[in-house]
Amino acid sequence: MNFSHAPYKNKSPLNNVDREIRMGEIRLKYVQLMRDAHSFLGDEDANILIKESKDIWDKLSNSQGLEV
């Protein structure tokens, strides 16, 4: 018997598709959040908020790497 075309072997591409769909959803939420920040705060304040958020994220990411 030849099981080279068994359905369970095709899980990887499906997982990649699921991952890409999820990443697309996250990108959309990010774009909506950035648009809302600029709409409510104005460009200058939104840019400050985004930079501060990035700095915080970088610090958290680096500190987690050091704790492991």
Protein backbone atom coordinates (compact mmCIF):
# COMPACT_ATOMS: atom_id res chain seq x y z
CA MET A 1 0.00 0.00 0.00
CA ASN A 2 1.19 3.49 -0.83
CA PHE A 3 0.39 6.08 1.85
CA SER A 4 2.36 8.92 0.29
CA HIS A 5 -0.88 10.85 -0.37
CA ALA A 6 -2.42 10.30 3.05
CA PRO A 7 -4.56 13.27 4.18
CA TYR A 8 -2.75 13.66 7.49
CA LYS A 9 0.47 14.46 5.63
CA ASN A 10 -1.09 17.67 4.27
CA LYS A 11 -1.51 19.31 7.69
CA SER A 12 1.53 21.57 7.30
CA PRO A 13 0.23 23.64 4.36
CA LEU A 14 -3.12 24.03 6.13
CA ASN A 15 -1.33 25.26 9.25
CA ASN A 16 0.57 27.76 7.09
CA VAL A 17 -2.69 29.02 5.62
CA ASP A 18 -4.23 29.31 9.09
CA ARG A 19 -1.15 31.18 10.29
CA GLU A 20 -1.27 33.59 7.34
CA ILE A 21 -4.98 34.24 7.95
CA ARG A 22 -4.29 34.96 11.63
CA MET A 23 -1.37 37.24 10.73
CA GLY A 24 -3.63 39.10 8.30
CA GLU A 25 -6.19 39.60 11.07
CA ILE A 26 -3.50 40.94 13.39
CA ARG A 27 -2.20 43.30 10.69
CA LEU A 28 -5.73 44.63 10.13
CA LYS A 29 -6.20 45.25 13.86
CA TYR A 30 -2.84 47.04 13.98
CA VAL A 31 -3.74 49.29 11.04
CA GLN A 32 -7.11 50.09 12.62
CA LEU A 33 -5.41 50.91 15.93
CA MET A 34 -2.89 53.21 14.25
CA ARG A 35 -5.65 54.94 12.27
CA ASP A 36 -7.68 55.45 15.45
CA ALA A 37 -4.64 56.78 17.33
CA HIS A 38 -3.98 59.35 14.59
CA SER A 39 -7.67 60.28 14.39
CA PHE A 40 -8.14 60.81 18.12
CA LEU A 41 -4.74 62.17 19.13
CA GLY A 42 -3.49 63.90 16.02
CA ASP A 43 -0.32 63.04 14.17
CA GLU A 44 2.24 64.39 16.63
CA ASP A 45 0.76 62.83 19.79
CA ALA A 46 0.03 59.57 17.97
CA ASN A 47 3.64 59.36 16.80
CA ILE A 48 4.86 59.93 20.36
CA LEU A 49 2.52 57.23 21.68
CA ILE A 50 3.62 54.78 18.99
CA LYS A 51 7.32 55.44 19.70
CA GLU A 52 6.83 55.02 23.45
CA SER A 53 4.90 51.80 22.89
CA LYS A 54 7.68 50.45 20.67
CA ASP A 55 10.31 51.36 23.28
CA ILE A 56 8.31 49.58 25.98
CA TRP A 57 7.88 46.52 23.76
CA ASP A 58 11.62 46.45 23.02
CA LYS A 59 12.47 46.65 26.72
CA LEU A 60 10.01 43.87 27.57
CA SER A 61 11.32 41.68 24.75
CA ASN A 62 14.93 42.19 25.78
CA SER A 63 14.28 41.61 29.49
CA GLN A 64 12.42 38.36 28.78
CA GLY A 65 15.38 37.15 26.77
CA LEU A 66 17.69 37.85 29.71
CA GLU A 67 15.49 36.04 32.25
CA VAL A 68 15.41 32.79 30.30
